């Protein structure tokens, strides 16, 4: 298995586990969206919490080249530790939600 397929499988496994966590309130559904052809992985929430509409991106990850770019990470403890535990080296994970000049201090890839 090549690195691209390995990263795809890891991301799907991690995000699928988060997708399966039920909400304790409201009528909110988790939406797990995968575009393997374009290497985008999203976890969204949609529904109603009382009279308040809930709709938004929880996680958006993209594989660019040979690195995993995290554009949005709304998971409580973050997805990075799970990626590292699954065998993804820190130098292959880019915290894209940080400004480029800040990334050098994160312990992860710069770009």
N, C-alpha and C. Protein backbone atom coordinates (compact mmCIF):
# COMPACT_ATOMS: atom_id res chain seq x y z
N UNK A 1 0.85 -1.18 0.00
CA UNK A 1 0.00 0.00 0.00
C UNK A 1 0.90 1.24 0.00
N UNK A 2 0.58 2.17 -0.87
CA UNK A 2 1.39 3.39 -0.91
C UNK A 2 0.95 4.37 0.18
N UNK A 3 1.76 5.40 0.36
CA UNK A 3 1.52 6.38 1.42
C UNK A 3 0.18 7.09 1.26
N UNK A 4 -0.19 7.44 0.04
CA UNK A 4 -1.45 8.13 -0.19
C UNK A 4 -2.64 7.28 0.29
N UNK A 5 -2.66 6.02 -0.10
CA UNK A 5 -3.74 5.14 0.34
C UNK A 5 -3.71 4.93 1.85
N UNK A 6 -2.52 4.82 2.40
CA UNK A 6 -2.39 4.66 3.85
C UNK A 6 -2.96 5.88 4.57
N UNK A 7 -2.62 7.08 4.12
CA UNK A 7 -3.14 8.31 4.74
C UNK A 7 -4.66 8.40 4.59
N UNK A 8 -5.17 8.04 3.42
CA UNK A 8 -6.62 8.04 3.21
C UNK A 8 -7.31 7.11 4.20
N UNK A 9 -6.78 5.91 4.34
CA UNK A 9 -7.38 4.92 5.24
C UNK A 9 -7.32 5.38 6.69
N UNK A 10 -6.21 5.95 7.09
CA UNK A 10 -6.07 6.46 8.46
C UNK A 10 -7.09 7.56 8.73
N UNK A 11 -7.18 8.51 7.81
CA UNK A 11 -8.13 9.61 7.98
C UNK A 11 -9.56 9.11 8.04
N UNK A 12 -9.90 8.20 7.17
CA UNK A 12 -11.26 7.66 7.18
C UNK A 12 -11.56 6.94 8.49
N UNK A 13 -10.63 6.16 8.98
CA UNK A 13 -10.83 5.42 10.24
C UNK A 13 -11.02 6.37 11.42
N UNK A 14 -10.17 7.39 11.51
CA UNK A 14 -10.25 8.34 12.63
C UNK A 14 -11.54 9.15 12.56
N UNK A 15 -11.84 9.70 11.40
CA UNK A 15 -13.03 10.55 11.28
C UNK A 15 -14.32 9.74 11.38
N UNK A 16 -14.31 8.52 10.91
CA UNK A 16 -15.49 7.65 11.05
C UNK A 16 -15.80 7.41 12.53
N UNK A 17 -14.77 7.22 13.33
CA UNK A 17 -14.97 7.02 14.78
C UNK A 17 -15.60 8.26 15.41
N UNK A 18 -15.16 9.44 15.03
CA UNK A 18 -15.74 10.68 15.56
C UNK A 18 -17.17 10.88 15.03
N UNK A 19 -17.39 10.49 13.80
CA UNK A 19 -18.71 10.60 13.18
C UNK A 19 -19.75 9.77 13.96
N UNK A 20 -19.34 8.67 14.53
CA UNK A 20 -20.25 7.76 15.21
C UNK A 20 -20.61 8.20 16.64
N UNK A 21 -19.95 9.21 17.15
CA UNK A 21 -20.26 9.69 18.51
C UNK A 21 -21.59 10.42 18.47
N UNK A 22 -22.59 9.95 19.23
CA UNK A 22 -23.91 10.59 19.19
C UNK A 22 -23.92 11.91 19.95
N UNK A 23 -24.82 12.79 19.55
CA UNK A 23 -25.01 14.05 20.25
C UNK A 23 -25.90 13.82 21.46
N UNK A 24 -25.62 14.52 22.53
CA UNK A 24 -26.38 14.33 23.76
C UNK A 24 -27.59 15.26 23.84
N UNK A 25 -27.73 16.16 22.90
CA UNK A 25 -28.85 17.10 22.91
C UNK A 25 -29.19 17.52 21.49
N UNK A 26 -30.39 18.04 21.34
CA UNK A 26 -30.81 18.54 20.03
C UNK A 26 -31.01 17.43 19.01
N UNK A 27 -31.35 17.84 17.84
CA UNK A 27 -31.51 16.92 16.71
C UNK A 27 -30.41 17.23 15.71
N UNK A 28 -29.21 16.89 16.09
CA UNK A 28 -28.03 17.20 15.29
C UNK A 28 -27.44 15.91 14.75
N UNK A 29 -27.11 15.93 13.48
CA UNK A 29 -26.49 14.79 12.83
C UNK A 29 -25.07 15.13 12.43
N UNK A 30 -24.23 14.14 12.51
CA UNK A 30 -22.87 14.27 12.00
C UNK A 30 -22.89 13.82 10.55
N UNK A 31 -22.20 14.56 9.70
CA UNK A 31 -22.08 14.23 8.28
C UNK A 31 -20.60 14.00 7.98
N UNK A 32 -20.28 12.80 7.51
CA UNK A 32 -18.91 12.47 7.18
C UNK A 32 -18.79 12.46 5.66
N UNK A 33 -18.00 13.34 5.11
CA UNK A 33 -17.89 13.54 3.67
C UNK A 33 -16.46 13.22 3.23
N UNK A 34 -16.34 12.30 2.28
CA UNK A 34 -15.04 11.88 1.78
C UNK A 34 -15.00 12.05 0.27
N UNK A 35 -13.97 12.72 -0.21
CA UNK A 35 -13.72 12.82 -1.65
C UNK A 35 -12.32 12.26 -1.89
N UNK A 36 -12.25 10.95 -2.08
CA UNK A 36 -10.95 10.29 -2.27
C UNK A 36 -10.25 10.75 -3.54
N UNK A 37 -11.02 11.09 -4.57
CA UNK A 37 -10.41 11.53 -5.83
C UNK A 37 -9.65 12.84 -5.66
N UNK A 38 -10.15 13.70 -4.81
CA UNK A 38 -9.53 15.01 -4.59
C UNK A 38 -8.87 15.12 -3.21
N UNK A 39 -8.92 14.03 -2.44
CA UNK A 39 -8.25 13.93 -1.14
C UNK A 39 -8.74 14.94 -0.11
N UNK A 40 -10.05 15.10 -0.04
CA UNK A 40 -10.67 15.95 0.98
C UNK A 40 -11.49 15.08 1.93
N UNK A 41 -11.39 15.39 3.24
CA UNK A 41 -12.10 14.65 4.27
C UNK A 41 -12.73 15.67 5.21
N UNK A 42 -14.06 15.61 5.33
CA UNK A 42 -14.77 16.59 6.16
C UNK A 42 -15.69 15.90 7.15
N UNK A 43 -15.80 16.49 8.31
CA UNK A 43 -16.78 16.09 9.30
C UNK A 43 -17.59 17.34 9.60
N UNK A 44 -18.90 17.24 9.35
CA UNK A 44 -19.79 18.39 9.50
C UNK A 44 -20.88 18.05 10.51
N UNK A 45 -21.47 19.07 11.10
CA UNK A 45 -22.65 18.93 11.94
C UNK A 45 -23.79 19.68 11.27
N UNK A 46 -24.99 19.09 11.33
CA UNK A 46 -26.17 19.74 10.77
C UNK A 46 -27.40 19.31 11.55
N UNK A 47 -28.28 20.28 11.80
CA UNK A 47 -29.53 19.96 12.49
C UNK A 47 -30.01 21.13 13.31
N UNK A 48 -30.75 20.81 14.38
CA UNK A 48 -31.34 21.83 15.23
C UNK A 48 -31.06 21.52 16.69
N UNK A 49 -30.72 22.55 17.43
CA UNK A 49 -30.57 22.48 18.87
C UNK A 49 -31.62 23.42 19.45
N UNK A 50 -32.80 22.87 19.73
CA UNK A 50 -33.92 23.71 20.10
C UNK A 50 -34.36 24.52 18.89
N UNK A 51 -34.35 25.84 19.03
CA UNK A 51 -34.74 26.71 17.92
C UNK A 51 -33.53 27.24 17.15
N UNK A 52 -32.35 26.78 17.52
CA UNK A 52 -31.12 27.26 16.89
C UNK A 52 -30.64 26.26 15.84
N UNK A 53 -30.41 26.76 14.65
CA UNK A 53 -29.89 25.95 13.54
C UNK A 53 -28.41 25.69 13.78
N UNK A 54 -28.00 24.46 13.59
CA UNK A 54 -26.61 24.06 13.70
C UNK A 54 -26.16 23.57 12.34
N UNK A 55 -25.12 24.17 11.80
CA UNK A 55 -24.57 23.73 10.52
C UNK A 55 -23.15 24.25 10.42
N UNK A 56 -22.20 23.36 10.37
CA UNK A 56 -20.83 23.83 10.26
C UNK A 56 -19.82 22.71 10.14
N UNK A 57 -18.64 23.10 9.76
CA UNK A 57 -17.53 22.19 9.58
C UNK A 57 -16.83 21.98 10.92
N UNK A 58 -16.67 20.72 11.30
CA UNK A 58 -15.93 20.37 12.51
C UNK A 58 -14.47 20.12 12.15
N UNK A 59 -14.27 19.34 11.10
CA UNK A 59 -12.91 19.00 10.66
C UNK A 59 -12.86 19.04 9.13
N UNK A 60 -11.78 19.65 8.61
CA UNK A 60 -11.49 19.60 7.18
C UNK A 60 -10.01 19.28 7.04
N UNK A 61 -9.76 18.14 6.42
CA UNK A 61 -8.39 17.68 6.20
C UNK A 61 -8.22 17.40 4.71
N UNK A 62 -7.05 17.73 4.20
CA UNK A 62 -6.75 17.51 2.79
C UNK A 62 -5.36 16.92 2.68
N UNK A 63 -5.21 15.96 1.79
CA UNK A 63 -3.88 15.42 1.50
C UNK A 63 -3.36 16.18 0.29
N UNK A 64 -2.25 16.89 0.49
CA UNK A 64 -1.60 17.66 -0.57
C UNK A 64 -0.18 17.12 -0.71
N UNK A 65 0.14 16.62 -1.89
CA UNK A 65 1.45 16.01 -2.08
C UNK A 65 1.55 14.80 -1.18
N UNK A 66 2.53 14.77 -0.33
CA UNK A 66 2.70 13.65 0.59
C UNK A 66 2.46 14.07 2.04
N UNK A 67 1.68 15.15 2.23
CA UNK A 67 1.42 15.64 3.58
C UNK A 67 -0.07 15.78 3.84
N UNK A 68 -0.41 15.65 5.10
CA UNK A 68 -1.79 15.83 5.54
C UNK A 68 -1.92 17.25 6.06
N UNK A 69 -2.77 18.02 5.40
CA UNK A 69 -3.03 19.41 5.78
C UNK A 69 -4.32 19.48 6.59
N UNK A 70 -4.24 19.98 7.80
CA UNK A 70 -5.42 20.15 8.63
C UNK A 70 -5.85 21.61 8.50
N UNK A 71 -6.95 21.84 7.78
CA UNK A 71 -7.44 23.20 7.55
C UNK A 71 -8.33 23.67 8.69
N UNK A 72 -9.06 22.74 9.29
CA UNK A 72 -9.97 23.06 10.40
C UNK A 72 -9.97 21.86 11.33
N UNK A 73 -9.80 22.09 12.62
CA UNK A 73 -9.81 21.00 13.59
C UNK A 73 -10.64 21.40 14.79
N UNK A 74 -11.89 20.98 14.80
CA UNK A 74 -12.80 21.28 15.90
C UNK A 74 -13.03 20.10 16.81
N UNK A 75 -12.21 19.06 16.70
CA UNK A 75 -12.32 17.91 17.60
C UNK A 75 -11.78 18.34 18.96
N UNK A 76 -12.45 17.91 20.01
CA UNK A 76 -12.13 18.38 21.36
C UNK A 76 -10.64 18.31 21.69
N UNK A 77 -10.01 17.18 21.47
CA UNK A 77 -8.57 17.05 21.77
C UNK A 77 -7.71 17.19 20.52
N UNK A 78 -8.32 17.49 19.39
CA UNK A 78 -7.57 17.64 18.15
C UNK A 78 -7.30 16.30 17.48
N UNK A 79 -7.12 16.36 16.20
CA UNK A 79 -6.90 15.15 15.41
C UNK A 79 -5.41 14.78 15.30
N UNK A 80 -4.53 15.72 15.61
CA UNK A 80 -3.09 15.49 15.39
C UNK A 80 -2.55 14.32 16.20
N UNK A 81 -2.91 14.23 17.48
CA UNK A 81 -2.41 13.13 18.30
C UNK A 81 -2.87 11.78 17.77
N UNK A 82 -4.09 11.73 17.25
CA UNK A 82 -4.61 10.49 16.68
C UNK A 82 -3.86 10.12 15.40
N UNK A 83 -3.51 11.11 14.60
CA UNK A 83 -2.73 10.85 13.39
C UNK A 83 -1.35 10.30 13.74
N UNK A 84 -0.70 10.92 14.70
CA UNK A 84 0.63 10.47 15.12
C UNK A 84 0.55 9.05 15.70
N UNK A 85 -0.46 8.79 16.53
CA UNK A 85 -0.63 7.46 17.12
C UNK A 85 -0.88 6.40 16.04
N UNK A 86 -1.46 6.82 14.92
CA UNK A 86 -1.73 5.91 13.80
C UNK A 86 -0.51 5.71 12.91
N UNK A 87 0.59 6.40 13.22
CA UNK A 87 1.82 6.20 12.47
C UNK A 87 2.21 7.29 11.50
N UNK A 88 1.47 8.40 11.48
CA UNK A 88 1.82 9.50 10.58
C UNK A 88 2.90 10.34 11.26
N UNK A 89 4.06 10.51 10.63
CA UNK A 89 5.12 11.33 11.23
C UNK A 89 4.69 12.80 11.34
N UNK A 90 5.14 13.47 12.39
CA UNK A 90 4.79 14.87 12.59
C UNK A 90 5.23 15.74 11.43
N UNK A 91 6.33 15.38 10.77
CA UNK A 91 6.81 16.20 9.65
C UNK A 91 5.99 15.98 8.38
N UNK A 92 4.92 15.18 8.47
CA UNK A 92 4.00 14.97 7.35
C UNK A 92 2.62 15.55 7.66
N UNK A 93 2.51 16.28 8.77
CA UNK A 93 1.25 16.90 9.18
C UNK A 93 1.44 18.41 9.21
N UNK A 94 0.63 19.14 8.45
CA UNK A 94 0.69 20.60 8.41
C UNK A 94 -0.54 21.15 9.10
N UNK A 95 -0.33 22.01 10.09
CA UNK A 95 -1.44 22.67 10.77
C UNK A 95 -1.79 23.92 9.97
N UNK A 96 -2.56 23.70 8.91
CA UNK A 96 -2.89 24.76 7.96
C UNK A 96 -3.73 25.88 8.55
N UNK A 97 -4.31 25.67 9.72
CA UNK A 97 -5.11 26.72 10.36
C UNK A 97 -4.23 27.72 11.10
N UNK A 98 -2.93 27.43 11.19
CA UNK A 98 -1.98 28.40 11.75
C UNK A 98 -1.33 29.18 10.61
N UNK A 99 -1.04 30.44 10.86
CA UNK A 99 -0.35 31.26 9.87
C UNK A 99 1.02 30.64 9.56
N UNK A 100 1.50 30.77 8.32
CA UNK A 100 2.77 30.17 7.95
C UNK A 100 3.93 30.53 8.88
N UNK A 101 3.96 31.76 9.36
CA UNK A 101 5.08 32.16 10.22
C UNK A 101 4.99 31.55 11.62
N UNK A 102 3.87 31.00 11.99
CA UNK A 102 3.68 30.39 13.32
C UNK A 102 3.99 28.90 13.29
N UNK A 103 3.83 28.28 12.13
CA UNK A 103 3.96 26.82 12.02
C UNK A 103 5.31 26.29 12.46
N UNK A 104 6.36 27.08 12.32
CA UNK A 104 7.69 26.60 12.71
C UNK A 104 7.79 26.28 14.20
N UNK A 105 6.88 26.81 15.00
CA UNK A 105 6.90 26.61 16.45
C UNK A 105 5.95 25.50 16.93
N UNK A 106 5.25 24.85 16.00
CA UNK A 106 4.23 23.87 16.38
C UNK A 106 4.76 22.46 16.59
N UNK A 107 5.93 22.15 16.06
CA UNK A 107 6.45 20.79 16.14
C UNK A 107 5.96 19.91 14.99
N UNK A 108 5.23 20.53 14.07
CA UNK A 108 4.71 19.82 12.90
C UNK A 108 5.31 20.48 11.65
N UNK A 109 4.95 19.95 10.48
CA UNK A 109 5.51 20.46 9.23
C UNK A 109 5.11 21.92 9.01
N UNK A 110 5.96 22.64 8.30
CA UNK A 110 5.70 24.05 8.00
C UNK A 110 4.81 24.17 6.77
N UNK A 111 5.08 23.38 5.76
CA UNK A 111 4.27 23.35 4.52
C UNK A 111 4.57 22.12 3.73
